[in-house]
N, C-alpha and C. Protein backbone atom coordinates (compact mmCIF):
# COMPACT_ATOMS: atom_id res chain seq x y z
N UNK A 1 109.69 104.84 -23.10
CA UNK A 1 110.28 104.08 -22.12
C UNK A 1 111.26 103.05 -22.46
N UNK A 2 112.45 102.84 -21.91
CA UNK A 2 113.27 102.08 -21.89
C UNK A 2 112.88 100.69 -21.37
N UNK A 3 112.91 99.59 -22.34
CA UNK A 3 112.63 98.41 -21.98
C UNK A 3 113.89 97.68 -21.28
N UNK A 4 113.59 96.82 -20.00
CA UNK A 4 114.63 96.49 -19.24
C UNK A 4 114.72 95.17 -19.82
N UNK A 5 116.08 94.47 -20.39
CA UNK A 5 116.40 93.22 -20.34
C UNK A 5 115.87 92.30 -19.48
N UNK A 6 115.85 90.99 -20.10
CA UNK A 6 115.42 89.86 -19.16
C UNK A 6 116.50 89.61 -18.11
N UNK A 7 117.85 89.29 -18.54
CA UNK A 7 118.63 89.15 -17.45
C UNK A 7 118.86 90.24 -16.32
N UNK A 8 118.70 91.49 -16.73
CA UNK A 8 118.68 92.60 -15.75
C UNK A 8 117.27 92.33 -14.64
N UNK A 9 116.32 92.07 -15.57
CA UNK A 9 115.22 92.13 -14.49
C UNK A 9 115.19 90.89 -13.63
N UNK A 10 115.98 89.80 -14.15
CA UNK A 10 115.99 88.60 -13.14
C UNK A 10 117.08 89.09 -12.19
N UNK A 11 117.89 89.89 -12.57
CA UNK A 11 119.07 90.08 -11.25
C UNK A 11 118.44 91.08 -10.15
N UNK A 12 117.63 92.05 -10.75
CA UNK A 12 117.03 92.90 -9.84
C UNK A 12 116.01 92.28 -9.14
N UNK A 13 115.30 91.18 -9.74
CA UNK A 13 114.28 90.20 -8.90
C UNK A 13 115.15 89.60 -7.67
N UNK A 14 116.31 89.00 -8.21
CA UNK A 14 116.74 88.10 -6.88
C UNK A 14 117.35 89.03 -5.98
N UNK A 15 118.07 89.97 -6.64
CA UNK A 15 118.51 91.14 -5.42
C UNK A 15 117.44 91.66 -4.53
N UNK A 16 116.57 92.08 -5.24
CA UNK A 16 115.16 92.61 -4.32
C UNK A 16 114.64 91.62 -3.29
N UNK A 17 114.58 90.26 -3.77
CA UNK A 17 114.02 89.20 -2.93
C UNK A 17 115.13 89.02 -1.76
N UNK A 18 116.30 89.09 -2.05
CA UNK A 18 117.35 88.86 -1.03
C UNK A 18 117.32 89.95 0.06
N UNK A 19 117.25 90.89 -0.34
CA UNK A 19 117.30 92.25 0.53
C UNK A 19 116.40 92.25 1.48
N UNK A 20 115.13 92.00 1.17
CA UNK A 20 114.00 91.77 1.82
C UNK A 20 114.00 90.61 2.47
N UNK A 21 114.38 89.60 2.13
CA UNK A 21 114.49 88.24 2.83
C UNK A 21 115.54 88.55 4.19
N UNK A 22 116.64 89.41 3.86
CA UNK A 22 117.68 89.65 4.86
C UNK A 22 116.87 90.36 6.05
N UNK A 23 115.77 91.11 5.97
CA UNK A 23 114.98 91.64 6.80
C UNK A 23 114.69 90.74 8.08
N UNK A 24 114.39 89.53 7.63
CA UNK A 24 114.23 88.53 8.69
C UNK A 24 115.42 88.29 9.79
N UNK A 25 116.54 88.52 9.29
CA UNK A 25 117.70 88.14 10.07
C UNK A 25 117.70 89.00 11.38
N UNK A 26 117.14 90.26 11.30
CA UNK A 26 117.28 91.49 12.42
C UNK A 26 116.47 90.70 13.72
N UNK A 27 115.16 89.95 13.50
CA UNK A 27 114.39 89.52 14.74
C UNK A 27 115.04 88.32 15.03
N UNK A 28 115.43 87.29 14.20
CA UNK A 28 116.14 86.12 14.31
C UNK A 28 117.36 86.14 15.35
N UNK A 29 118.08 87.24 14.73
CA UNK A 29 119.42 87.28 15.66
C UNK A 29 119.06 87.93 17.11
N UNK A 30 117.94 88.57 17.23
CA UNK A 30 117.83 89.08 18.43
C UNK A 30 117.32 88.25 19.34
N UNK A 31 116.51 87.24 19.14
CA UNK A 31 115.93 86.09 19.37
C UNK A 31 117.20 85.24 20.04
N UNK A 32 118.09 84.78 19.03
CA UNK A 32 119.12 84.30 19.46
C UNK A 32 120.20 84.88 20.32
N UNK A 33 120.53 86.08 20.02
CA UNK A 33 121.50 86.60 20.46
C UNK A 33 121.18 87.19 22.06
N UNK A 34 119.99 87.72 22.10
CA UNK A 34 119.76 88.60 23.53
C UNK A 34 119.40 87.59 24.52
N UNK A 35 118.83 86.57 24.30
CA UNK A 35 118.65 85.60 25.31
C UNK A 35 119.84 84.90 25.78
N UNK A 36 120.99 85.19 25.05
CA UNK A 36 122.22 84.59 25.56
C UNK A 36 123.04 85.66 26.00
N UNK A 37 123.11 86.74 25.49
CA UNK A 37 124.17 87.74 25.89
C UNK A 37 123.89 88.27 27.40
N UNK A 38 122.72 88.02 27.84
CA UNK A 38 122.73 88.37 29.24
C UNK A 38 123.18 87.56 30.28
N UNK A 39 123.68 86.33 29.65
CA UNK A 39 124.47 85.13 30.51
C UNK A 39 125.82 85.59 30.78
N UNK A 40 126.44 86.76 29.77
CA UNK A 40 127.95 86.70 29.62
C UNK A 40 128.17 87.52 31.02
N UNK A 41 129.45 87.04 31.44
CA UNK A 41 129.90 87.65 32.63
C UNK A 41 130.29 89.04 32.44
N UNK A 42 130.56 89.55 31.52
CA UNK A 42 130.99 90.82 31.07
C UNK A 42 129.58 91.77 31.20
N UNK A 43 128.70 91.25 30.60
CA UNK A 43 127.38 92.26 30.63
C UNK A 43 126.88 92.14 31.95
N UNK A 44 126.67 90.95 32.64
CA UNK A 44 126.53 90.93 34.10
C UNK A 44 127.35 91.96 34.80
N UNK A 45 128.62 92.20 34.77
CA UNK A 45 129.42 92.92 35.38
C UNK A 45 129.11 94.48 35.39
N UNK A 46 128.79 94.69 34.00
CA UNK A 46 128.54 96.00 33.32
C UNK A 46 127.47 96.60 33.90
N UNK A 47 126.04 95.76 33.82
CA UNK A 47 124.93 96.33 34.27
C UNK A 47 124.43 95.74 35.58
N UNK A 48 125.01 95.10 36.28
CA UNK A 48 125.08 94.81 37.82
C UNK A 48 123.81 93.85 37.97
N UNK A 49 123.43 93.01 36.98
CA UNK A 49 122.31 91.99 37.01
C UNK A 49 122.73 90.70 36.77
N UNK A 50 122.46 89.77 37.26
CA UNK A 50 122.36 88.37 37.15
C UNK A 50 121.37 87.53 37.14
N UNK A 51 121.11 86.43 36.53
CA UNK A 51 119.56 85.73 36.47
C UNK A 51 119.24 85.37 38.13
N UNK A 52 120.35 85.17 38.94
CA UNK A 52 120.10 84.80 40.14
C UNK A 52 119.65 86.14 41.28
N UNK A 53 120.50 86.94 41.22
CA UNK A 53 120.43 88.29 41.82
C UNK A 53 119.36 89.08 41.45
N UNK A 54 118.87 89.13 40.34
CA UNK A 54 117.91 90.05 39.69
C UNK A 54 117.22 89.33 38.48
N UNK A 55 116.63 88.35 38.77
CA UNK A 55 115.83 87.56 37.59
C UNK A 55 114.77 88.30 36.75
N UNK A 56 114.33 89.27 37.35
CA UNK A 56 113.05 90.10 36.62
C UNK A 56 113.65 90.88 35.83
N UNK A 57 114.90 91.60 36.15
CA UNK A 57 115.35 92.36 35.09
C UNK A 57 115.91 91.73 33.91
N UNK A 58 116.54 90.56 34.27
CA UNK A 58 117.41 89.81 33.20
C UNK A 58 116.29 89.38 32.32
N UNK A 59 115.00 88.94 32.85
CA UNK A 59 114.13 88.41 31.56
C UNK A 59 113.43 89.39 31.16
N UNK A 60 113.26 90.90 31.71
CA UNK A 60 112.63 92.04 31.10
C UNK A 60 113.46 92.63 30.13
N UNK A 61 114.77 92.32 30.04
CA UNK A 61 115.48 92.90 29.03
C UNK A 61 115.29 92.12 27.65
N UNK A 62 114.80 91.00 27.54
CA UNK A 62 114.35 90.17 26.36
C UNK A 62 113.23 90.54 25.97
N UNK A 63 112.21 90.84 26.65
CA UNK A 63 110.77 90.78 26.33
C UNK A 63 110.21 92.29 25.89
N UNK A 64 111.02 93.62 26.10
CA UNK A 64 110.49 94.71 25.52
C UNK A 64 110.53 94.57 23.85
N UNK A 65 111.42 94.08 23.16
CA UNK A 65 111.50 94.22 21.82
C UNK A 65 110.18 93.46 21.29
N UNK A 66 109.88 92.25 22.06
CA UNK A 66 108.85 91.59 21.52
C UNK A 66 107.30 92.45 21.86
N UNK A 67 107.38 93.20 22.83
CA UNK A 67 106.27 93.99 23.23
C UNK A 67 106.08 95.06 22.07
N UNK A 68 106.99 95.75 21.66
CA UNK A 68 106.80 96.63 20.65
C UNK A 68 106.98 96.22 19.21
N UNK A 69 107.25 94.62 18.78
CA UNK A 69 107.29 94.43 17.92
C UNK A 69 105.65 94.17 17.20
N UNK A 70 104.85 94.19 18.07
CA UNK A 70 103.38 94.35 17.44
C UNK A 70 103.01 95.77 16.99
N UNK A 71 103.62 96.90 17.66
CA UNK A 71 103.46 98.43 17.04
C UNK A 71 104.09 98.33 16.14
N UNK A 72 105.24 97.97 15.76
CA UNK A 72 106.02 98.13 14.80
C UNK A 72 105.08 97.27 13.46
N UNK A 73 104.37 96.14 13.65
CA UNK A 73 104.09 95.19 12.87
C UNK A 73 102.45 96.34 12.38
N UNK A 74 102.08 96.91 13.23
CA UNK A 74 100.91 97.92 12.73
C UNK A 74 101.45 99.12 11.96
N UNK A 75 102.58 99.60 12.54
CA UNK A 75 103.09 100.69 12.08
C UNK A 75 103.75 100.73 10.18
N UNK A 76 103.82 99.38 9.98
CA UNK A 76 104.27 98.89 8.82
C UNK A 76 102.90 99.28 7.76
N UNK A 77 101.68 99.40 8.23
CA UNK A 77 100.52 99.35 7.31
C UNK A 77 100.55 100.84 6.84
N UNK A 78 101.00 101.70 7.47
CA UNK A 78 101.07 103.10 7.23
C UNK A 78 102.53 103.66 6.84
N UNK A 79 103.49 102.90 6.81
CA UNK A 79 104.91 103.17 6.39
C UNK A 79 105.90 102.14 6.15
N UNK A 80 106.71 102.07 5.24
CA UNK A 80 107.47 101.00 4.76
C UNK A 80 109.04 101.42 5.43
N UNK A 81 109.14 102.48 6.18
CA UNK A 81 110.31 102.74 6.54
C UNK A 81 110.33 102.55 8.02
N UNK A 82 111.13 101.48 8.37
CA UNK A 82 111.29 100.96 9.93
C UNK A 82 112.04 102.06 10.36
N UNK A 83 111.98 102.37 11.76
CA UNK A 83 112.70 103.19 12.60
C UNK A 83 114.14 102.73 12.79
N UNK A 84 114.94 103.59 13.17
CA UNK A 84 116.47 103.14 13.36
C UNK A 84 116.60 102.46 14.68
N UNK A 85 117.60 101.67 14.88
CA UNK A 85 117.80 101.15 16.15
C UNK A 85 118.68 101.95 17.10
N UNK A 86 118.43 102.03 18.20
CA UNK A 86 118.90 102.90 19.29
C UNK A 86 120.28 102.17 19.55
N UNK A 87 121.21 102.84 19.60
CA UNK A 87 122.57 102.00 20.45
C UNK A 87 122.66 101.57 21.79
N UNK A 88 123.14 100.38 21.88
CA UNK A 88 123.01 99.88 23.35
C UNK A 88 124.32 100.43 24.16
N UNK A 89 124.09 101.35 24.83
CA UNK A 89 125.20 101.95 25.75
C UNK A 89 125.52 101.28 27.07
N UNK A 90 126.08 101.62 27.92
CA UNK A 90 126.29 101.24 29.23
C UNK A 90 125.48 101.79 30.20
N UNK A 91 124.13 101.76 30.02
CA UNK A 91 123.35 102.16 30.72
C UNK A 91 121.94 101.29 30.53
N UNK A 92 121.55 101.09 31.69
CA UNK A 92 120.52 100.07 31.79
C UNK A 92 119.15 100.90 31.27
N UNK A 93 119.01 102.19 31.38
CA UNK A 93 117.84 102.84 30.90
C UNK A 93 118.05 102.93 29.38
N UNK A 94 119.14 103.05 28.75
CA UNK A 94 119.30 103.19 27.45
C UNK A 94 119.11 101.86 26.69
N UNK A 95 119.49 100.90 27.55
CA UNK A 95 119.30 99.81 27.01
C UNK A 95 117.70 99.09 26.81
N UNK A 96 117.05 99.53 27.82
CA UNK A 96 115.78 99.35 27.78
C UNK A 96 115.05 100.12 26.50
N UNK A 97 115.53 101.29 26.42
CA UNK A 97 115.25 102.17 25.60
C UNK A 97 115.37 101.80 24.01
N UNK A 98 116.55 101.51 23.99
CA UNK A 98 117.12 100.62 22.76
C UNK A 98 116.43 99.34 22.15
N UNK A 99 116.05 98.47 23.18
CA UNK A 99 115.19 97.41 23.03
C UNK A 99 113.68 97.73 22.67
N UNK A 100 113.19 98.53 23.05
CA UNK A 100 111.91 99.22 22.85
C UNK A 100 111.63 99.42 21.28
N UNK A 101 112.72 100.29 21.04
CA UNK A 101 112.68 100.88 19.64
C UNK A 101 113.36 100.00 18.63
N UNK A 102 114.09 99.09 18.96
CA UNK A 102 114.51 97.90 18.25
C UNK A 102 113.42 96.89 17.79
N UNK A 103 112.44 96.70 18.72
CA UNK A 103 111.24 96.05 18.56
C UNK A 103 110.30 96.74 17.38
N UNK A 104 109.95 97.73 17.66
CA UNK A 104 109.28 98.57 16.47
C UNK A 104 109.97 98.22 15.15
N UNK A 105 111.29 98.30 14.96
CA UNK A 105 111.89 97.71 13.64
C UNK A 105 111.61 96.34 13.41
N UNK A 106 111.74 95.39 14.22
CA UNK A 106 111.54 94.01 14.11
C UNK A 106 110.16 93.77 13.60
N UNK A 107 108.99 94.40 14.20
CA UNK A 107 107.68 94.18 13.96
C UNK A 107 107.40 94.96 12.55
N UNK A 108 108.21 95.85 12.22
CA UNK A 108 107.83 96.54 11.05
C UNK A 108 108.37 95.80 9.78
N UNK A 109 109.65 95.28 9.81
CA UNK A 109 110.37 94.53 8.62
C UNK A 109 109.84 92.93 8.74
N UNK A 110 109.12 92.47 9.68
CA UNK A 110 108.57 91.20 9.49
C UNK A 110 107.30 91.15 8.88
N UNK A 111 106.78 92.59 8.70
CA UNK A 111 105.44 92.53 7.88
C UNK A 111 106.00 92.88 6.49
N UNK A 112 106.70 93.92 6.19
CA UNK A 112 107.21 94.59 5.13
C UNK A 112 108.09 93.71 4.20
N UNK A 113 108.97 92.71 4.87
CA UNK A 113 109.76 91.91 4.14
C UNK A 113 109.00 90.73 3.32
N UNK A 114 108.10 89.98 3.87
CA UNK A 114 107.61 89.02 3.30
C UNK A 114 106.40 89.48 2.17
N UNK A 115 105.96 90.78 2.77
CA UNK A 115 104.81 91.61 1.67
C UNK A 115 105.30 91.84 0.59
N UNK A 116 106.50 92.27 0.56
CA UNK A 116 107.03 92.89 -0.83
C UNK A 116 107.81 91.72 -1.72
N UNK A 117 108.09 90.75 -1.04
CA UNK A 117 108.62 89.58 -1.78
C UNK A 117 107.46 89.02 -2.29
N UNK A 118 106.44 88.76 -1.87
CA UNK A 118 105.00 88.07 -2.37
C UNK A 118 104.48 89.07 -3.48
N UNK A 119 104.65 90.38 -3.21
CA UNK A 119 104.14 91.12 -4.46
C UNK A 119 104.93 91.25 -5.57
N UNK A 120 106.25 91.03 -5.27
CA UNK A 120 107.18 91.01 -6.68
C UNK A 120 107.49 89.84 -7.41
N UNK A 121 107.32 88.68 -6.51
CA UNK A 121 107.76 87.39 -6.88
C UNK A 121 106.95 86.82 -7.75
N UNK A 122 107.45 86.47 -9.11
CA UNK A 122 106.79 85.60 -10.04
C UNK A 122 105.70 84.34 -9.39
N UNK A 123 104.56 84.23 -9.99
CA UNK A 123 103.75 83.20 -9.25
C UNK A 123 104.49 81.91 -9.23
N UNK A 124 105.33 81.39 -9.97
CA UNK A 124 105.73 80.09 -10.22
C UNK A 124 106.71 80.02 -8.58
N UNK A 125 107.32 80.89 -8.52
CA UNK A 125 108.49 80.93 -7.32
C UNK A 125 108.06 81.55 -6.06
N UNK A 126 106.83 82.12 -6.25
CA UNK A 126 106.57 83.05 -5.11
C UNK A 126 106.55 82.46 -3.84
N UNK A 127 106.31 81.06 -3.65
CA UNK A 127 106.30 80.44 -2.19
C UNK A 127 107.56 80.23 -1.88
N UNK A 128 108.45 79.94 -2.72
CA UNK A 128 109.97 79.48 -2.25
C UNK A 128 110.49 80.84 -2.05
N UNK A 129 110.21 81.91 -2.67
CA UNK A 129 111.23 83.08 -2.53
C UNK A 129 110.65 83.74 -1.31
N UNK A 130 109.58 83.45 -0.82
CA UNK A 130 108.99 83.92 0.53
C UNK A 130 109.40 83.35 1.44
N UNK A 131 109.90 82.05 1.47
CA UNK A 131 110.42 81.22 2.40
C UNK A 131 112.01 81.57 2.74
N UNK A 132 112.51 82.39 1.67
CA UNK A 132 113.98 82.91 2.01
C UNK A 132 113.53 83.71 3.34
N UNK A 133 112.89 84.68 3.83
CA UNK A 133 112.54 85.22 4.66
C UNK A 133 112.82 84.58 5.97
N UNK A 134 112.06 83.52 6.02
CA UNK A 134 111.95 82.61 7.31
C UNK A 134 113.48 81.81 7.28
N UNK A 135 114.07 81.41 6.39
CA UNK A 135 115.68 81.10 6.41
C UNK A 135 116.51 82.01 7.06
N UNK A 136 116.29 83.16 6.72
CA UNK A 136 117.21 84.27 7.09
C UNK A 136 116.99 84.50 8.50
N UNK A 137 115.62 84.27 8.99
CA UNK A 137 115.31 84.67 10.27
C UNK A 137 116.03 83.51 11.28
N UNK A 138 115.72 82.36 10.85
CA UNK A 138 116.28 81.24 11.66
C UNK A 138 117.72 80.93 11.57
N UNK A 139 118.17 81.53 10.32
CA UNK A 139 119.65 81.46 10.34
C UNK A 139 120.30 82.57 11.31
N UNK A 140 119.64 83.90 11.28
CA UNK A 140 120.08 84.69 12.05
C UNK A 140 120.04 84.45 13.73
N UNK A 141 118.91 83.47 14.27
CA UNK A 141 118.83 83.08 15.15
C UNK A 141 119.88 82.16 15.74
N UNK A 142 120.30 81.27 14.74
CA UNK A 142 121.39 80.42 14.97
C UNK A 142 122.66 81.07 15.13
N UNK A 143 123.10 82.04 14.11
CA UNK A 143 124.32 82.76 14.27
C UNK A 143 124.38 83.83 15.33
N UNK A 144 123.24 84.03 15.74
CA UNK A 144 123.40 84.95 16.77
C UNK A 144 123.83 83.99 18.33
N UNK A 145 123.22 82.71 18.70
CA UNK A 145 123.71 82.11 19.59
C UNK A 145 124.91 81.71 19.51
N UNK A 146 125.55 81.47 18.19
CA UNK A 146 126.81 80.84 18.20
C UNK A 146 127.93 82.08 18.37
N UNK A 147 127.78 83.18 18.02
CA UNK A 147 128.41 84.53 18.07
C UNK A 147 128.74 84.62 19.51
N UNK A 148 127.59 84.63 20.45
CA UNK A 148 127.79 84.97 21.78
C UNK A 148 128.49 83.89 22.34
N UNK A 149 128.23 82.66 21.79
CA UNK A 149 129.23 81.29 22.64
C UNK A 149 130.48 81.53 22.34
N UNK A 150 130.91 81.84 21.01
CA UNK A 150 132.34 82.42 20.46
C UNK A 150 132.76 83.20 21.64
N UNK A 151 131.99 84.23 21.74
CA UNK A 151 132.60 85.45 22.64
C UNK A 151 132.81 84.97 24.18
N UNK A 152 132.07 83.87 24.48
CA UNK A 152 132.17 83.21 25.82
C UNK A 152 133.45 82.49 25.89
N UNK A 153 134.08 81.90 24.77
CA UNK A 153 134.99 81.01 24.77
C UNK A 153 136.36 81.91 24.63
N UNK A 154 136.48 82.82 23.66
CA UNK A 154 137.68 83.60 23.24
C UNK A 154 137.95 84.89 23.59
N UNK A 155 136.90 85.60 24.40
CA UNK A 155 136.95 86.92 24.93
C UNK A 155 136.97 86.91 26.18
N UNK A 156 137.99 87.76 27.02
CA UNK A 156 138.04 88.03 28.25
C UNK A 156 136.77 88.37 28.78
N UNK A 157 136.30 87.79 29.78
CA UNK A 157 134.74 88.13 30.40
C UNK A 157 135.06 89.44 31.25
N UNK A 158 136.50 89.82 31.57
CA UNK A 158 136.47 91.29 32.12
C UNK A 158 136.31 92.32 31.22
N UNK A 159 136.31 91.98 29.66
CA UNK A 159 136.18 93.15 28.63
C UNK A 159 134.85 93.35 28.41
N UNK A 160 134.44 94.40 28.13
CA UNK A 160 133.22 94.90 27.69
C UNK A 160 132.97 94.30 26.08
N UNK A 161 134.06 94.07 25.56
CA UNK A 161 133.69 93.67 24.23
C UNK A 161 133.18 92.28 24.20
N UNK A 162 133.13 91.51 25.13
CA UNK A 162 132.73 90.27 25.29
C UNK A 162 131.10 90.54 24.87
N UNK A 163 130.23 91.58 25.30
CA UNK A 163 128.80 91.58 25.17
C UNK A 163 128.41 92.58 24.09
N UNK A 164 129.47 93.52 23.92
CA UNK A 164 129.34 94.31 22.74
C UNK A 164 129.46 93.70 21.41
N UNK A 165 130.33 92.81 21.33
CA UNK A 165 130.55 92.24 19.71
C UNK A 165 129.35 91.56 19.26
N UNK A 166 128.42 90.99 19.89
CA UNK A 166 126.95 90.32 19.55
C UNK A 166 126.38 91.60 19.11
N UNK A 167 126.36 92.50 19.79
CA UNK A 167 125.47 93.85 19.40
C UNK A 167 125.75 94.41 18.02
N UNK A 168 127.36 94.51 17.95
CA UNK A 168 127.75 95.18 16.73
C UNK A 168 127.63 94.16 15.73
N UNK A 169 128.01 93.07 15.78
CA UNK A 169 127.97 92.18 14.51
C UNK A 169 126.52 91.91 13.80
N UNK A 170 125.66 92.14 14.69
CA UNK A 170 124.32 92.32 13.95
C UNK A 170 124.10 93.40 12.92
N UNK A 171 125.14 94.31 13.03
CA UNK A 171 124.61 95.39 11.96
C UNK A 171 125.40 94.85 10.63
N UNK A 172 126.06 94.07 10.18
CA UNK A 172 126.72 93.68 9.16
C UNK A 172 125.45 92.99 8.00
N UNK A 173 124.89 92.59 8.77
CA UNK A 173 123.84 91.98 7.61
C UNK A 173 122.85 93.22 7.07
N UNK A 174 122.26 94.29 8.02
CA UNK A 174 121.39 95.18 7.64
C UNK A 174 122.44 96.33 6.56
N UNK A 175 123.64 96.27 6.92
CA UNK A 175 124.30 97.00 5.97
C UNK A 175 124.44 96.43 4.27
N UNK A 176 124.68 94.91 4.48
CA UNK A 176 124.52 94.60 3.26
C UNK A 176 123.42 94.60 2.39
N UNK A 177 122.22 94.55 3.28
CA UNK A 177 120.77 94.88 2.81
C UNK A 177 120.72 96.43 2.14
N UNK A 178 121.74 97.22 3.11
CA UNK A 178 121.31 98.66 2.70
C UNK A 178 122.15 98.86 1.32
N UNK A 179 123.14 98.48 0.98
CA UNK A 179 124.04 98.17 -0.04
C UNK A 179 123.19 97.70 -1.29
N UNK A 180 122.53 96.70 -1.17
CA UNK A 180 121.85 95.81 -1.91
C UNK A 180 120.50 96.67 -2.43
N UNK A 181 120.01 97.59 -1.46
CA UNK A 181 118.90 98.55 -1.67
C UNK A 181 118.81 99.25 -2.89
N UNK A 182 120.17 99.77 -3.29
CA UNK A 182 120.47 100.49 -4.49
C UNK A 182 120.23 99.91 -5.92
N UNK A 183 119.84 98.45 -5.89
CA UNK A 183 119.79 97.61 -7.09
C UNK A 183 118.37 96.88 -7.00
N UNK A 184 117.59 97.63 -6.23
CA UNK A 184 116.07 96.67 -5.97
C UNK A 184 115.01 97.27 -6.78
N UNK A 185 113.95 96.46 -6.69
CA UNK A 185 112.66 97.12 -7.44
C UNK A 185 112.07 97.64 -6.40
N UNK A 186 111.38 98.86 -7.01
CA UNK A 186 110.41 99.31 -6.04
C UNK A 186 109.31 98.81 -5.70
N UNK A 187 108.66 98.79 -4.84
CA UNK A 187 107.46 98.24 -4.80
C UNK A 187 106.24 98.45 -5.75
N UNK A 188 105.55 97.60 -6.25
CA UNK A 188 104.62 97.78 -7.50
C UNK A 188 103.41 98.51 -6.66
N UNK A 189 102.90 98.16 -5.77
CA UNK A 189 101.95 98.93 -5.08
C UNK A 189 102.33 100.67 -4.74
N UNK A 190 103.64 100.73 -4.61
CA UNK A 190 104.25 102.08 -4.22
C UNK A 190 104.45 102.65 -5.68
N UNK A 191 104.64 102.32 -6.78
CA UNK A 191 104.76 102.78 -8.11
C UNK A 191 103.39 103.14 -8.50
N UNK A 192 102.34 102.46 -8.25
CA UNK A 192 101.00 102.76 -8.56
C UNK A 192 100.47 104.06 -7.88
N UNK A 193 101.01 103.91 -6.54
CA UNK A 193 100.29 104.85 -5.62
C UNK A 193 100.77 106.31 -6.09
N UNK A 194 102.08 106.31 -6.64
CA UNK A 194 102.53 107.66 -7.03
C UNK A 194 102.29 107.73 -8.37
N UNK A 195 101.65 107.02 -9.11
CA UNK A 195 101.62 107.53 -10.81
C UNK A 195 102.41 106.99 -11.63
N UNK A 196 103.22 106.13 -11.20
CA UNK A 196 104.45 105.45 -12.20
C UNK A 196 103.82 104.32 -12.74
N UNK A 197 102.59 104.28 -13.45
CA UNK A 197 102.17 102.98 -14.14
C UNK A 197 102.83 102.30 -15.17
N UNK A 198 103.68 103.32 -15.96
CA UNK A 198 104.78 102.32 -16.95
C UNK A 198 105.66 101.61 -16.12
N UNK A 199 106.40 102.13 -15.06
CA UNK A 199 107.42 101.45 -14.52
C UNK A 199 106.73 100.03 -13.82
N UNK A 200 105.31 100.49 -13.18
CA UNK A 200 104.60 99.12 -12.61
C UNK A 200 104.66 98.23 -13.64
N UNK A 201 103.93 98.57 -14.78
CA UNK A 201 103.98 97.61 -16.16
C UNK A 201 105.30 96.78 -16.06
N UNK A 202 106.39 97.31 -16.18
CA UNK A 202 107.76 96.69 -16.49
C UNK A 202 108.12 96.03 -15.30
N UNK A 203 107.73 96.36 -14.26
CA UNK A 203 107.97 95.19 -12.96
C UNK A 203 107.07 93.92 -13.29
N UNK A 204 105.85 93.88 -13.82
CA UNK A 204 104.98 92.88 -13.93
C UNK A 204 105.59 91.79 -15.06
N UNK A 205 106.50 92.53 -15.65
CA UNK A 205 107.31 91.49 -17.03
C UNK A 205 108.06 90.45 -16.14
N UNK A 206 108.25 90.55 -15.05
CA UNK A 206 109.14 89.53 -14.39
C UNK A 206 108.28 88.35 -14.42
N UNK A 207 106.85 88.10 -14.39
CA UNK A 207 106.00 87.09 -14.45
C UNK A 207 106.51 86.18 -15.73
N UNK A 208 106.97 86.93 -17.13
CA UNK A 208 107.41 85.82 -18.05
C UNK A 208 108.79 85.79 -18.17
N UNK A 209 109.71 86.37 -17.14
CA UNK A 209 110.98 86.34 -17.17
C UNK A 209 111.38 84.99 -16.29
N UNK A 210 110.98 84.76 -15.23
CA UNK A 210 111.33 83.75 -14.54
C UNK A 210 110.45 82.76 -14.42
């Protein structure tokens, strides 16, 4: 077995923690952006709803993701692969469906992210590294709100781009995490399950590196 050098171990540790911490951005962004995007003039014109004319539909567009997040959290116990998010099309039914599927993903990563960080982080920094997940989640909430605010100020309310941009921009962080995933550590539990005990032992050397 080829021994991994301490510097490489540390690099892979921080890359892994960062990638799984970024999973918190998805739910935070949704909480910050979705509650705001429904107030955009272009969104209301496209879907024909406003908080005044149709308050129930307006509020219901926000809640489906929270409803299915519990399903995703339970799903995380049998699989570590979150489902893909469905595109938000110019159709109210597709939007509802997309919100439901996205909620399953939010719930899944909300369990998987902190769990993997706790599993691989050295004891001395475990609490701090797990906190990164919350930082990303709250940071996503803040950025999502301000992106919608920026779209309100600088994009023509007659253009669909005003509400489409907040949906599109949220894909940037998952793309970064996806790229970083090529350099991360496998879960020690997963390595144990598939019988790769030597690799699992190498992962545990992190305890003496950081």
